[in-house]
Amino acid sequence: MGVMVYGAIDLGGLDAMMIISKSDNALSQLTGSHWALAEKIDPQLGQIGVTLVLNELLEPIRLPFVVVTLKPAVEFINPPKY
């Protein structure tokens, strides 16, 4: 799933450094300390980091879907033998 999120970020034109900069500004307003993360992070590694974070944020949405659809999918592939 992480590869799909990375592909969506890469093909969709999402600017990972802008997201890091905005999150850094939001955290600096909350904590009062400014880290300037966007200036210290390589853009490619920043994109991978944003991908990892978004993948983890999608997990609570993905898990119930998998739990609900797993049994019907298994029964479709391997029907019960009576």
N, C-alpha and C. Protein backbone atom coordinates (compact mmCIF):
# COMPACT_ATOMS: atom_id res chain seq x y z
N MET A 1 0.82 -1.18 0.00
CA MET A 1 0.00 0.00 0.00
C MET A 1 0.88 1.26 0.00
N GLY A 2 2.02 1.17 0.64
CA GLY A 2 2.91 2.31 0.69
C GLY A 2 3.41 2.71 -0.69
N VAL A 3 3.60 1.73 -1.56
CA VAL A 3 4.05 2.02 -2.92
C VAL A 3 2.96 2.78 -3.67
N MET A 4 1.71 2.41 -3.44
CA MET A 4 0.60 3.10 -4.10
C MET A 4 0.48 4.54 -3.60
N VAL A 5 0.69 4.75 -2.31
CA VAL A 5 0.65 6.11 -1.76
C VAL A 5 1.79 6.93 -2.34
N TYR A 6 2.97 6.32 -2.44
CA TYR A 6 4.12 7.03 -3.02
C TYR A 6 3.84 7.39 -4.48
N GLY A 7 3.27 6.44 -5.23
CA GLY A 7 2.93 6.71 -6.62
C GLY A 7 1.91 7.83 -6.75
N ALA A 8 0.92 7.82 -5.86
CA ALA A 8 -0.10 8.87 -5.90
C ALA A 8 0.51 10.23 -5.59
N ILE A 9 1.43 10.28 -4.65
CA ILE A 9 2.09 11.54 -4.31
C ILE A 9 2.96 12.00 -5.48
N ASP A 10 3.69 11.06 -6.07
CA ASP A 10 4.60 11.40 -7.16
C ASP A 10 3.83 11.82 -8.41
N LEU A 11 2.83 11.07 -8.80
CA LEU A 11 2.08 11.39 -10.01
C LEU A 11 1.09 12.54 -9.81
N GLY A 12 0.60 12.68 -8.59
CA GLY A 12 -0.36 13.74 -8.31
C GLY A 12 0.28 15.11 -8.15
N GLY A 13 1.57 15.15 -8.06
CA GLY A 13 2.26 16.43 -7.95
C GLY A 13 2.19 17.05 -6.57
N LEU A 14 2.01 16.24 -5.54
CA LEU A 14 1.97 16.76 -4.17
C LEU A 14 3.38 17.18 -3.76
N ASP A 15 3.51 18.38 -3.28
CA ASP A 15 4.82 18.89 -2.87
C ASP A 15 5.07 18.53 -1.41
N ALA A 16 5.92 17.53 -1.21
CA ALA A 16 6.19 17.04 0.14
C ALA A 16 6.88 18.10 0.99
N MET A 17 7.75 18.88 0.38
CA MET A 17 8.47 19.90 1.15
C MET A 17 7.53 20.99 1.64
N MET A 18 6.49 21.30 0.86
CA MET A 18 5.51 22.28 1.30
C MET A 18 4.72 21.74 2.51
N ILE A 19 4.38 20.46 2.46
CA ILE A 19 3.67 19.85 3.59
C ILE A 19 4.54 19.86 4.84
N ILE A 20 5.82 19.53 4.67
CA ILE A 20 6.74 19.55 5.81
C ILE A 20 6.88 20.96 6.36
N SER A 21 6.97 21.93 5.49
CA SER A 21 7.11 23.32 5.92
C SER A 21 5.86 23.79 6.68
N LYS A 22 4.68 23.46 6.14
CA LYS A 22 3.44 23.86 6.81
C LYS A 22 3.28 23.17 8.15
N SER A 23 3.64 21.88 8.22
CA SER A 23 3.54 21.19 9.51
C SER A 23 4.56 21.74 10.50
N ASP A 24 5.73 22.13 10.02
CA ASP A 24 6.73 22.74 10.88
C ASP A 24 6.23 24.08 11.44
N ASN A 25 5.57 24.87 10.58
CA ASN A 25 5.01 26.15 11.04
C ASN A 25 3.90 25.93 12.07
N ALA A 26 3.05 24.93 11.84
CA ALA A 26 1.98 24.64 12.79
C ALA A 26 2.54 24.16 14.12
N LEU A 27 3.57 23.31 14.07
CA LEU A 27 4.19 22.84 15.32
C LEU A 27 4.92 23.96 16.04
N SER A 28 5.51 24.87 15.30
CA SER A 28 6.21 25.98 15.95
C SER A 28 5.23 26.91 16.65
N GLN A 29 4.03 27.05 16.11
CA GLN A 29 3.02 27.86 16.78
C GLN A 29 2.54 27.19 18.05
N LEU A 30 2.46 25.87 18.03
CA LEU A 30 2.00 25.14 19.23
C LEU A 30 3.07 25.07 20.31
N THR A 31 4.31 24.80 19.90
CA THR A 31 5.37 24.57 20.88
C THR A 31 6.24 25.79 21.14
N GLY A 32 6.29 26.70 20.19
CA GLY A 32 7.12 27.88 20.36
C GLY A 32 8.55 27.70 19.88
N SER A 33 8.89 26.52 19.35
CA SER A 33 10.24 26.30 18.83
C SER A 33 10.17 26.06 17.33
N HIS A 34 11.08 26.68 16.59
CA HIS A 34 11.09 26.56 15.14
C HIS A 34 12.26 25.68 14.73
N TRP A 35 11.98 24.57 14.04
CA TRP A 35 13.03 23.63 13.66
C TRP A 35 13.54 23.82 12.25
N ALA A 36 12.76 24.44 11.37
CA ALA A 36 13.12 24.63 9.95
C ALA A 36 13.43 23.30 9.29
N LEU A 37 12.51 22.36 9.41
CA LEU A 37 12.73 21.02 8.87
C LEU A 37 12.86 21.01 7.36
N ALA A 38 12.10 21.83 6.68
CA ALA A 38 12.12 21.83 5.21
C ALA A 38 13.50 22.21 4.67
N GLU A 39 14.24 22.99 5.41
CA GLU A 39 15.58 23.39 4.96
C GLU A 39 16.62 22.31 5.22
N LYS A 40 16.34 21.39 6.14
CA LYS A 40 17.33 20.39 6.54
C LYS A 40 17.11 19.03 5.88
N ILE A 41 15.97 18.83 5.22
CA ILE A 41 15.62 17.52 4.69
C ILE A 41 15.81 17.51 3.18
N ASP A 42 16.41 16.42 2.69
CA ASP A 42 16.53 16.21 1.25
C ASP A 42 15.12 16.02 0.66
N PRO A 43 14.80 16.64 -0.46
CA PRO A 43 13.43 16.55 -1.00
C PRO A 43 12.97 15.12 -1.27
N GLN A 44 13.86 14.24 -1.75
CA GLN A 44 13.46 12.85 -2.01
C GLN A 44 13.16 12.12 -0.70
N LEU A 45 13.97 12.33 0.31
CA LEU A 45 13.70 11.71 1.61
C LEU A 45 12.46 12.31 2.26
N GLY A 46 12.23 13.59 2.00
CA GLY A 46 11.01 14.22 2.51
C GLY A 46 9.77 13.61 1.90
N GLN A 47 9.85 13.30 0.61
CA GLN A 47 8.71 12.67 -0.06
C GLN A 47 8.47 11.26 0.49
N ILE A 48 9.53 10.53 0.77
CA ILE A 48 9.39 9.20 1.35
C ILE A 48 8.82 9.30 2.76
N GLY A 49 9.26 10.30 3.52
CA GLY A 49 8.74 10.48 4.88
C GLY A 49 7.26 10.83 4.88
N VAL A 50 6.85 11.71 3.97
CA VAL A 50 5.42 12.06 3.88
C VAL A 50 4.62 10.83 3.46
N THR A 51 5.19 10.00 2.58
CA THR A 51 4.51 8.77 2.17
C THR A 51 4.30 7.84 3.36
N LEU A 52 5.32 7.69 4.19
CA LEU A 52 5.19 6.83 5.36
C LEU A 52 4.12 7.34 6.33
N VAL A 53 4.10 8.64 6.54
CA VAL A 53 3.12 9.23 7.45
C VAL A 53 1.71 9.07 6.90
N LEU A 54 1.51 9.35 5.61
CA LEU A 54 0.18 9.20 5.01
C LEU A 54 -0.26 7.74 5.00
N ASN A 55 0.67 6.82 4.79
CA ASN A 55 0.33 5.41 4.82
C ASN A 55 -0.17 5.00 6.21
N GLU A 56 0.47 5.48 7.24
CA GLU A 56 0.03 5.17 8.60
C GLU A 56 -1.30 5.84 8.93
N LEU A 57 -1.55 7.02 8.38
CA LEU A 57 -2.83 7.69 8.62
C LEU A 57 -3.98 6.99 7.91
N LEU A 58 -3.69 6.29 6.81
CA LEU A 58 -4.73 5.56 6.09
C LEU A 58 -5.06 4.21 6.71
N GLU A 59 -4.24 3.73 7.62
CA GLU A 59 -4.45 2.41 8.22
C GLU A 59 -5.80 2.27 8.94
N PRO A 60 -6.26 3.23 9.74
CA PRO A 60 -7.57 3.05 10.39
C PRO A 60 -8.73 2.99 9.39
N ILE A 61 -8.57 3.54 8.21
CA ILE A 61 -9.61 3.45 7.19
C ILE A 61 -9.52 2.11 6.47
N ARG A 62 -8.31 1.65 6.23
CA ARG A 62 -8.10 0.42 5.48
C ARG A 62 -8.44 -0.83 6.27
N LEU A 63 -8.15 -0.87 7.55
CA LEU A 63 -8.33 -2.08 8.35
C LEU A 63 -9.78 -2.54 8.42
N PRO A 64 -10.77 -1.70 8.73
CA PRO A 64 -12.15 -2.19 8.76
C PRO A 64 -12.62 -2.72 7.40
N PHE A 65 -12.17 -2.09 6.31
CA PHE A 65 -12.53 -2.57 4.98
C PHE A 65 -11.99 -3.98 4.75
N VAL A 66 -10.77 -4.23 5.15
CA VAL A 66 -10.17 -5.55 4.98
C VAL A 66 -10.88 -6.58 5.85
N VAL A 67 -11.21 -6.22 7.08
CA VAL A 67 -11.88 -7.15 7.97
C VAL A 67 -13.25 -7.55 7.42
N VAL A 68 -13.98 -6.59 6.86
CA VAL A 68 -15.32 -6.87 6.34
C VAL A 68 -15.26 -7.69 5.05
N THR A 69 -14.28 -7.44 4.20
CA THR A 69 -14.25 -8.10 2.90
C THR A 69 -13.42 -9.38 2.85
N LEU A 70 -12.69 -9.71 3.90
CA LEU A 70 -11.80 -10.87 3.85
C LEU A 70 -12.56 -12.18 3.75
N LYS A 71 -13.55 -12.41 4.60
CA LYS A 71 -14.28 -13.68 4.59
C LYS A 71 -15.01 -13.91 3.26
N PRO A 72 -15.76 -12.94 2.74
CA PRO A 72 -16.40 -13.18 1.43
C PRO A 72 -15.38 -13.44 0.31
N ALA A 73 -14.24 -12.78 0.36
CA ALA A 73 -13.23 -13.01 -0.67
C ALA A 73 -12.65 -14.42 -0.58
N VAL A 74 -12.38 -14.89 0.63
CA VAL A 74 -11.85 -16.23 0.81
C VAL A 74 -12.88 -17.26 0.39
N GLU A 75 -14.15 -17.06 0.74
CA GLU A 75 -15.20 -18.00 0.35
C GLU A 75 -15.43 -18.00 -1.16
N PHE A 76 -15.19 -16.88 -1.83
CA PHE A 76 -15.32 -16.82 -3.28
C PHE A 76 -14.18 -17.60 -3.95
N ILE A 77 -12.98 -17.45 -3.41
CA ILE A 77 -11.83 -18.12 -3.99
C ILE A 77 -11.85 -19.61 -3.67
N ASN A 78 -12.15 -19.94 -2.45
CA ASN A 78 -12.16 -21.33 -1.99
C ASN A 78 -13.51 -21.63 -1.34
N PRO A 79 -14.53 -22.01 -2.13
CA PRO A 79 -15.87 -22.22 -1.55
C PRO A 79 -15.87 -23.35 -0.53
N PRO A 80 -16.71 -23.21 0.51
CA PRO A 80 -16.77 -24.27 1.53
C PRO A 80 -17.29 -25.58 0.91
N LYS A 81 -16.72 -26.68 1.35
CA LYS A 81 -17.12 -27.99 0.86
C LYS A 81 -17.96 -28.67 1.93
N TYR A 82 -19.20 -28.97 1.60
CA TYR A 82 -20.11 -29.58 2.59
C TYR A 82 -20.16 -31.06 2.44
